[in-house]
Protein backbone atom coordinates (compact mmCIF):
# COMPACT_ATOMS: atom_id res chain seq x y z
CA MET A 1 -4.35 13.85 -13.80
CA PRO A 2 -8.04 12.88 -13.78
CA GLN A 3 -9.70 13.07 -10.39
CA THR A 4 -12.83 11.04 -11.16
CA GLY A 5 -13.81 7.92 -13.04
CA TYR A 6 -12.01 5.41 -10.81
CA ARG A 7 -13.91 3.11 -8.48
CA TYR A 8 -11.58 3.67 -5.54
CA LEU A 9 -10.98 7.39 -6.04
CA GLU A 10 -13.99 9.35 -4.83
CA PRO A 11 -14.29 13.04 -5.74
CA THR A 12 -15.69 13.91 -2.31
CA ALA A 13 -12.74 12.28 -0.56
CA LEU A 14 -10.30 13.95 -2.92
CA ALA A 15 -11.86 17.31 -2.18
CA ARG A 16 -10.95 16.78 1.46
CA VAL A 17 -7.43 15.49 0.95
CA LYS A 18 -6.13 17.22 -2.17
CA ASN A 19 -5.27 20.36 -0.21
CA LEU A 20 -2.94 18.25 1.91
CA SER A 21 -0.41 18.11 -0.91
CA VAL A 22 1.95 20.45 0.94
CA VAL A 23 1.59 18.39 4.10
CA ALA A 24 2.08 15.17 2.19
CA ARG A 25 5.13 16.68 0.47
CA GLY A 26 6.58 17.36 3.89
CA VAL A 27 5.91 13.79 4.94
CA VAL A 28 7.69 12.48 1.87
CA GLU A 29 10.66 14.76 2.48
CA GLY A 30 10.72 13.57 6.06
CA PHE A 31 10.93 9.97 4.92
CA ILE A 32 13.69 10.89 2.50
CA SER A 33 15.67 12.55 5.28
CA GLY A 34 15.57 9.17 7.02
CA LEU A 35 17.32 7.53 4.09
CA HIS A 36 20.87 7.96 5.35
CA ALA A 37 23.46 8.65 2.65
CA SER A 38 20.46 9.20 0.42
CA PRO A 39 20.90 8.38 -3.26
CA TYR A 40 18.19 10.89 -4.13
CA LYS A 41 20.45 13.78 -5.09
CA GLY A 42 19.54 15.61 -8.28
CA PHE A 43 17.63 13.81 -11.00
CA SER A 44 18.38 10.93 -13.31
CA VAL A 45 16.29 9.26 -15.97
CA GLU A 46 15.00 5.75 -16.54
CA PHE A 47 13.30 4.08 -19.48
CA ALA A 48 9.51 4.45 -19.54
CA GLU A 49 8.11 3.22 -22.88
CA HIS A 50 8.42 3.22 -26.67
CA ARG A 51 6.62 5.39 -29.20
CA GLU A 52 6.86 5.68 -32.96
CA TYR A 53 9.63 7.84 -34.39
CA THR A 54 8.79 11.23 -35.95
CA SER A 55 11.01 13.54 -38.00
CA SER A 56 11.38 15.91 -35.03
CA ASP A 57 12.87 13.21 -32.76
CA ASP A 58 16.55 12.96 -31.94
CA PRO A 59 17.92 9.91 -33.86
CA ARG A 60 20.12 9.12 -30.85
CA HIS A 61 17.00 7.85 -29.08
CA LEU A 62 16.15 5.29 -31.77
CA ASP A 63 15.88 1.74 -30.52
CA TYR A 64 17.62 -0.40 -33.11
CA ARG A 65 16.61 -3.63 -31.42
CA MET A 66 12.97 -2.70 -31.95
CA LEU A 67 13.82 -1.85 -35.57
CA ALA A 68 15.32 -5.30 -36.08
CA ARG A 69 12.28 -7.01 -34.53
CA THR A 70 9.50 -4.95 -36.09
CA ASP A 71 11.09 -3.26 -39.12
CA ARG A 72 9.66 0.02 -37.78
CA LEU A 73 11.29 3.03 -36.15
CA TYR A 74 10.66 3.56 -32.45
CA VAL A 75 12.25 5.93 -29.95
CA LYS A 76 12.76 5.32 -26.27
CA GLN A 77 10.93 7.65 -23.92
CA TYR A 78 12.37 8.36 -20.51
CA GLU A 79 10.95 9.78 -17.35
CA GLU A 80 12.74 11.55 -14.54
CA GLU A 81 13.29 9.62 -11.40
CA THR A 82 11.67 11.45 -8.52
CA ASN A 83 12.65 12.15 -4.94
CA MET A 84 10.79 9.18 -3.58
CA ARG A 85 10.01 5.67 -4.78
CA VAL A 86 6.96 4.25 -3.03
CA GLN A 87 5.83 0.62 -3.17
CA ILE A 88 2.35 0.00 -1.76
CA LEU A 89 1.84 -3.58 -0.54
CA LEU A 90 -1.87 -4.38 -0.32
CA ASP A 91 -3.01 -7.58 1.42
CA SER A 92 -5.63 -9.30 -0.76
CA SER A 93 -6.01 -12.48 1.30
CA GLY A 94 -9.40 -13.88 2.24
CA SER A 95 -9.47 -12.36 5.73
CA MET A 96 -9.46 -8.89 4.15
CA ASP A 97 -12.92 -9.61 2.69
CA TYR A 98 -14.58 -9.13 6.09
CA GLY A 99 -17.01 -6.29 6.71
CA HIS A 100 -19.54 -6.18 9.57
CA ALA A 101 -23.11 -4.90 9.23
CA GLY A 102 -22.85 -3.91 5.59
CA LYS A 103 -19.86 -1.60 6.04
CA LEU A 104 -16.87 -1.48 3.72
CA THR A 105 -14.82 -4.64 3.82
CA LYS A 106 -11.24 -4.28 4.95
CA PHE A 107 -10.11 -4.92 1.41
CA GLN A 108 -12.37 -2.21 -0.04
CA TYR A 109 -11.09 0.20 2.61
CA GLY A 110 -7.52 -0.76 1.74
CA CYS A 111 -8.22 -0.14 -1.96
CA TYR A 112 -9.57 3.35 -1.26
CA LEU A 113 -6.54 4.08 0.91
CA THR A 114 -4.22 2.77 -1.81
CA ALA A 115 -5.87 4.95 -4.46
CA VAL A 116 -5.70 8.15 -2.40
CA LEU A 117 -2.07 7.58 -1.41
CA ALA A 118 -1.10 6.81 -5.00
CA TYR A 119 -2.95 9.91 -6.19
CA LEU A 120 -1.23 12.19 -3.67
CA MET A 121 2.22 10.80 -4.42
CA THR A 122 1.82 10.81 -8.20
CA ARG A 123 0.45 14.35 -8.08
CA GLN A 124 3.74 15.31 -6.41
CA GLN A 125 5.80 13.55 -9.11
CA ASP A 126 6.76 10.70 -6.80
CA ALA A 127 7.04 7.23 -8.31
CA VAL A 128 4.46 4.77 -6.97
CA GLY A 129 4.22 1.02 -7.47
CA LEU A 130 1.60 -1.49 -6.30
CA THR A 131 1.87 -5.09 -5.11
CA THR A 132 -1.13 -7.18 -4.03
CA PHE A 133 -0.63 -10.51 -2.30
CA ASP A 134 -2.09 -13.34 -0.23
CA ARG A 135 0.31 -16.25 0.17
CA GLU A 136 1.52 -15.44 -3.33
CA ILE A 137 2.12 -12.16 -5.15
CA ARG A 138 -0.93 -11.55 -7.35
CA LEU A 139 -0.20 -8.13 -8.88
CA ASP A 140 3.18 -6.46 -9.09
CA MET A 141 3.66 -3.03 -10.66
CA PRO A 142 7.03 -1.25 -10.27
CA PRO A 143 7.15 2.44 -9.26
CA ARG A 144 6.46 5.04 -11.96
CA SER A 145 5.36 8.67 -11.71
CA SER A 146 3.43 9.19 -14.95
CA PRO A 147 -0.35 9.77 -15.15
CA ARG A 148 -0.52 6.87 -17.59
CA HIS A 149 0.99 4.55 -15.00
CA PHE A 150 -1.46 5.82 -12.37
CA HIS A 151 -4.37 5.14 -14.75
CA GLU A 152 -3.19 1.57 -15.34
CA MET A 153 -2.71 1.08 -11.59
CA MET A 154 -6.30 2.11 -10.88
CA GLU A 155 -7.66 -0.15 -13.61
CA ARG A 156 -5.74 -3.15 -12.35
CA LEU A 157 -6.59 -2.41 -8.71
CA GLU A 158 -10.30 -2.46 -9.59
CA ALA A 159 -9.91 -5.95 -11.04
CA VAL A 160 -8.34 -7.45 -7.88
CA ARG A 161 -10.56 -9.73 -5.80
CA PRO A 162 -9.60 -10.86 -2.29
CA GLY A 163 -9.13 -14.56 -1.60
CA GLY A 164 -6.59 -17.13 -0.60
CA GLU A 165 -4.75 -17.85 2.62
CA THR A 166 -2.55 -15.31 4.37
CA GLY A 167 1.21 -15.47 4.03
CA ILE A 168 2.30 -12.00 5.07
CA ALA A 169 5.71 -12.70 6.59
CA GLU A 170 7.07 -14.96 3.86
CA THR A 171 5.77 -12.62 1.13
CA LEU A 172 7.39 -9.60 2.78
CA HIS A 173 10.72 -11.42 3.00
CA ARG A 174 10.57 -12.22 -0.73
CA LEU A 175 9.81 -8.59 -1.54
CA ALA A 176 12.52 -7.27 0.78
CA ASN A 177 15.07 -9.45 -1.01
CA ARG A 178 13.93 -8.11 -4.38
CA LEU A 179 13.36 -4.40 -3.65
CA LYS A 180 16.98 -3.33 -3.38
CA ARG A 181 16.58 0.38 -4.20
CA ARG A 182 15.77 2.27 -1.04
CA GLY A 183 12.44 4.01 -0.75
CA LEU A 184 9.17 4.00 1.18
CA ILE A 185 7.30 0.72 1.74
CA VAL A 186 3.60 1.12 2.60
CA LEU A 187 1.98 -2.05 3.96
CA ILE A 188 -1.85 -2.14 4.08
CA SER A 189 -3.05 -5.28 5.85
CA ASP A 190 -5.01 -6.66 8.78
CA LEU A 191 -1.70 -8.31 9.80
CA TYR A 192 -3.39 -11.64 10.52
CA ASP A 193 -0.19 -13.61 10.73
CA GLU A 194 2.20 -14.42 13.56
CA PRO A 195 3.29 -10.98 14.88
CA GLU A 196 6.83 -12.14 15.63
CA GLN A 197 7.30 -13.43 12.07
CA VAL A 198 5.75 -10.34 10.48
CA THR A 199 7.93 -8.13 12.68
CA ARG A 200 11.06 -9.93 11.48
CA ALA A 201 9.94 -9.40 7.89
CA LEU A 202 9.41 -5.67 8.52
CA HIS A 203 12.87 -5.55 10.08
CA HIS A 204 14.14 -7.04 6.82
CA PHE A 205 12.93 -3.90 5.00
CA ARG A 206 14.57 -1.70 7.62
CA HIS A 207 17.80 -3.69 7.26
CA ARG A 208 17.63 -2.81 3.56
CA ARG A 209 17.32 0.81 4.75
CA HIS A 210 13.80 1.33 3.48
CA GLU A 211 11.42 3.57 5.37
CA VAL A 212 8.28 1.63 6.33
CA LEU A 213 4.70 2.72 6.98
CA VAL A 214 2.13 0.17 8.21
CA PHE A 215 -1.65 0.64 8.08
CA GLN A 216 -3.33 -2.15 10.06
CA VAL A 217 -6.86 -2.20 8.65
CA LEU A 218 -9.51 -3.71 10.93
CA ASP A 219 -13.27 -3.75 11.29
CA ARG A 220 -14.41 -2.35 14.63
CA ALA A 221 -16.33 -5.57 15.31
CA GLU A 222 -13.02 -7.44 15.28
CA ILE A 223 -11.72 -5.16 18.02
CA THR A 224 -14.78 -4.81 20.28
CA PHE A 225 -16.56 -8.15 19.66
CA PRO A 226 -20.08 -6.61 19.88
CA PHE A 227 -22.00 -9.87 19.40
CA ASP A 228 -24.67 -10.88 21.96
CA GLU A 229 -26.26 -14.08 20.67
CA VAL A 230 -24.72 -17.43 19.78
CA ILE A 231 -23.16 -16.94 16.37
CA ALA A 232 -21.42 -19.08 13.74
CA PHE A 233 -18.15 -17.60 12.49
CA HIS A 234 -16.92 -18.44 9.01
CA ASP A 235 -13.19 -18.47 8.28
CA LEU A 236 -12.82 -16.61 4.98
CA GLU A 237 -9.51 -18.30 4.17
CA ASN A 238 -9.99 -22.01 4.92
CA ASP A 239 -13.84 -22.12 4.88
CA GLU A 240 -14.06 -23.56 8.39
CA ARG A 241 -17.05 -22.66 10.59
CA ILE A 242 -17.25 -22.49 14.36
CA GLN A 243 -20.21 -21.74 16.65
CA VAL A 244 -19.47 -19.40 19.54
CA ASP A 245 -21.35 -18.12 22.60
CA PRO A 246 -20.15 -14.49 23.00
CA ALA A 247 -20.88 -14.48 26.72
CA TYR A 248 -18.10 -17.02 27.30
CA VAL A 249 -15.46 -15.77 24.89
CA ARG A 250 -15.82 -11.96 24.85
CA ARG A 251 -13.40 -11.17 27.67
CA PRO A 252 -10.57 -13.56 26.68
CA TYR A 253 -11.05 -12.60 23.04
CA THR A 254 -10.79 -8.85 23.62
CA GLU A 255 -7.81 -9.31 25.96
CA GLN A 256 -5.96 -11.44 23.43
CA PHE A 257 -6.83 -9.10 20.59
CA GLU A 258 -5.53 -6.08 22.48
CA ALA A 259 -2.31 -7.99 23.17
CA PHE A 260 -2.15 -8.77 19.43
CA LEU A 261 -2.45 -5.05 18.58
CA SER A 262 -0.02 -4.00 21.29
CA SER A 263 2.63 -6.38 19.99
CA TYR A 264 2.53 -4.68 16.59
CA ARG A 265 2.49 -1.17 18.03
CA ARG A 266 5.46 -1.92 20.26
CA ALA A 267 7.47 -3.75 17.58
CA CYS A 268 6.93 -0.98 15.02
CA ALA A 269 7.92 1.72 17.52
CA GLU A 270 11.13 -0.16 18.39
CA ALA A 271 12.00 -0.51 14.69
CA GLN A 272 11.18 3.13 13.90
CA ILE A 273 8.31 2.06 11.67
CA ASP A 274 5.25 4.28 11.39
CA TYR A 275 2.18 2.31 12.57
CA VAL A 276 -1.42 3.41 12.05
CA LEU A 277 -4.52 1.52 13.20
CA ALA A 278 -7.12 2.13 10.49
CA GLU A 279 -10.67 1.18 11.49
CA THR A 280 -13.05 0.80 8.58
CA SER A 281 -15.71 2.73 10.51
CA VAL A 282 -13.51 5.86 10.27
CA PRO A 283 -13.63 7.51 6.83
CA TYR A 284 -10.33 6.71 5.17
CA ASP A 285 -9.72 10.29 4.07
CA PHE A 286 -10.26 11.51 7.66
CA MET A 287 -7.91 8.83 9.00
CA LEU A 288 -5.28 9.73 6.40
CA THR A 289 -5.66 13.46 7.04
CA LYS A 290 -5.15 12.91 10.75
CA TYR A 291 -2.08 10.76 10.16
CA LEU A 292 -0.47 13.15 7.67
CA SER A 293 -1.07 16.13 9.91
CA LYS A 294 0.32 14.35 12.95
CA ARG A 295 3.42 13.20 11.11
CA SER A 296 4.09 16.62 9.60
CA HIS A 297 4.26 18.01 13.15
CA VAL A 298 7.00 15.60 14.18
CA GLN A 299 9.34 16.18 11.20
C-alpha cells in the first residue's frame, strides 16, 4: 500500500507509527475478544467488484446479470472478510473548523487521525469504512480491506469540507440502527452536543454489541480559555457573534467545560467505551502511539 501522496497521511508520522502494527494488532484482537459469541471465526468472502472475464477465469464466477445488461462477460471478484470491521465516524460539522493561533483545526486533526487509523487497520487486513456527518450523513463508505478501497477513502476524505450544524446524537442513533454487523465503531468528534443524548446514542451501539472508541478532539484554547482582552466569538455553525470580557467569564467557563468533559469521561467508563481526549496541540501520531501502547498493556 502506498505510504505517501495523500494529504492526510504524512510520511514522517507514518515512520513513527508504522512500527506499532504489532501493538495495533493486539488492540484489534482485544476488541474482538470483547465481541461475545464472536461471529469472527474463520474466514468467509463477500463481493468486492467486477472485472472483465479472461480465458483463465472460472466460468462459475461469471455474472450473467451483467452479461444481460452490457452484452459483455464479467466475473465477480471477492475479498476475504477480516477479523475486524471498523467504521470510522468523523464529525464534519462547523464547530470542527475551529483552530486557535494558526494551529490545525479540529477537523484537520480528525482527518489525520482518520487516515492513520485507516492505514494501520488496512495494513493488517482489517476492513475499514468511513462516515462523515454534521446533522446529516455526508459521506458513507462501507468497510473494505483492499488497498484500492483505502485509496478511494483517502481521495474522498480530502474532498470533505466542514460545515453545517451539529447533530451528533440523532446521527449516531441512525447509524446504530443501520450497522447491524458487530465490529468496532470509532467516533472522532468534539462532542458538542448534549452529553446525555450523545451518551444514550453511544449506548445504542453498545446495545448492538459493538465495541466503541471515542476520540474527543479539542483545541487547547477551548479547554483553558487563554484570552485576556475583550474578544468577539463567532459561532461557526449558526454564524452568531458574541462579545465577551474574559475576566468575567473565564472561571465559570472553565468550570463548566471541565464538567462537560467529566460527564463524557464518566459515561464512557460506565459503558465500557474507550475515551481519549485528543488535543490538537499534541501531535496526532504521538497521541495515538500513547493510546495504543496504554491499551495494549490492559488487554
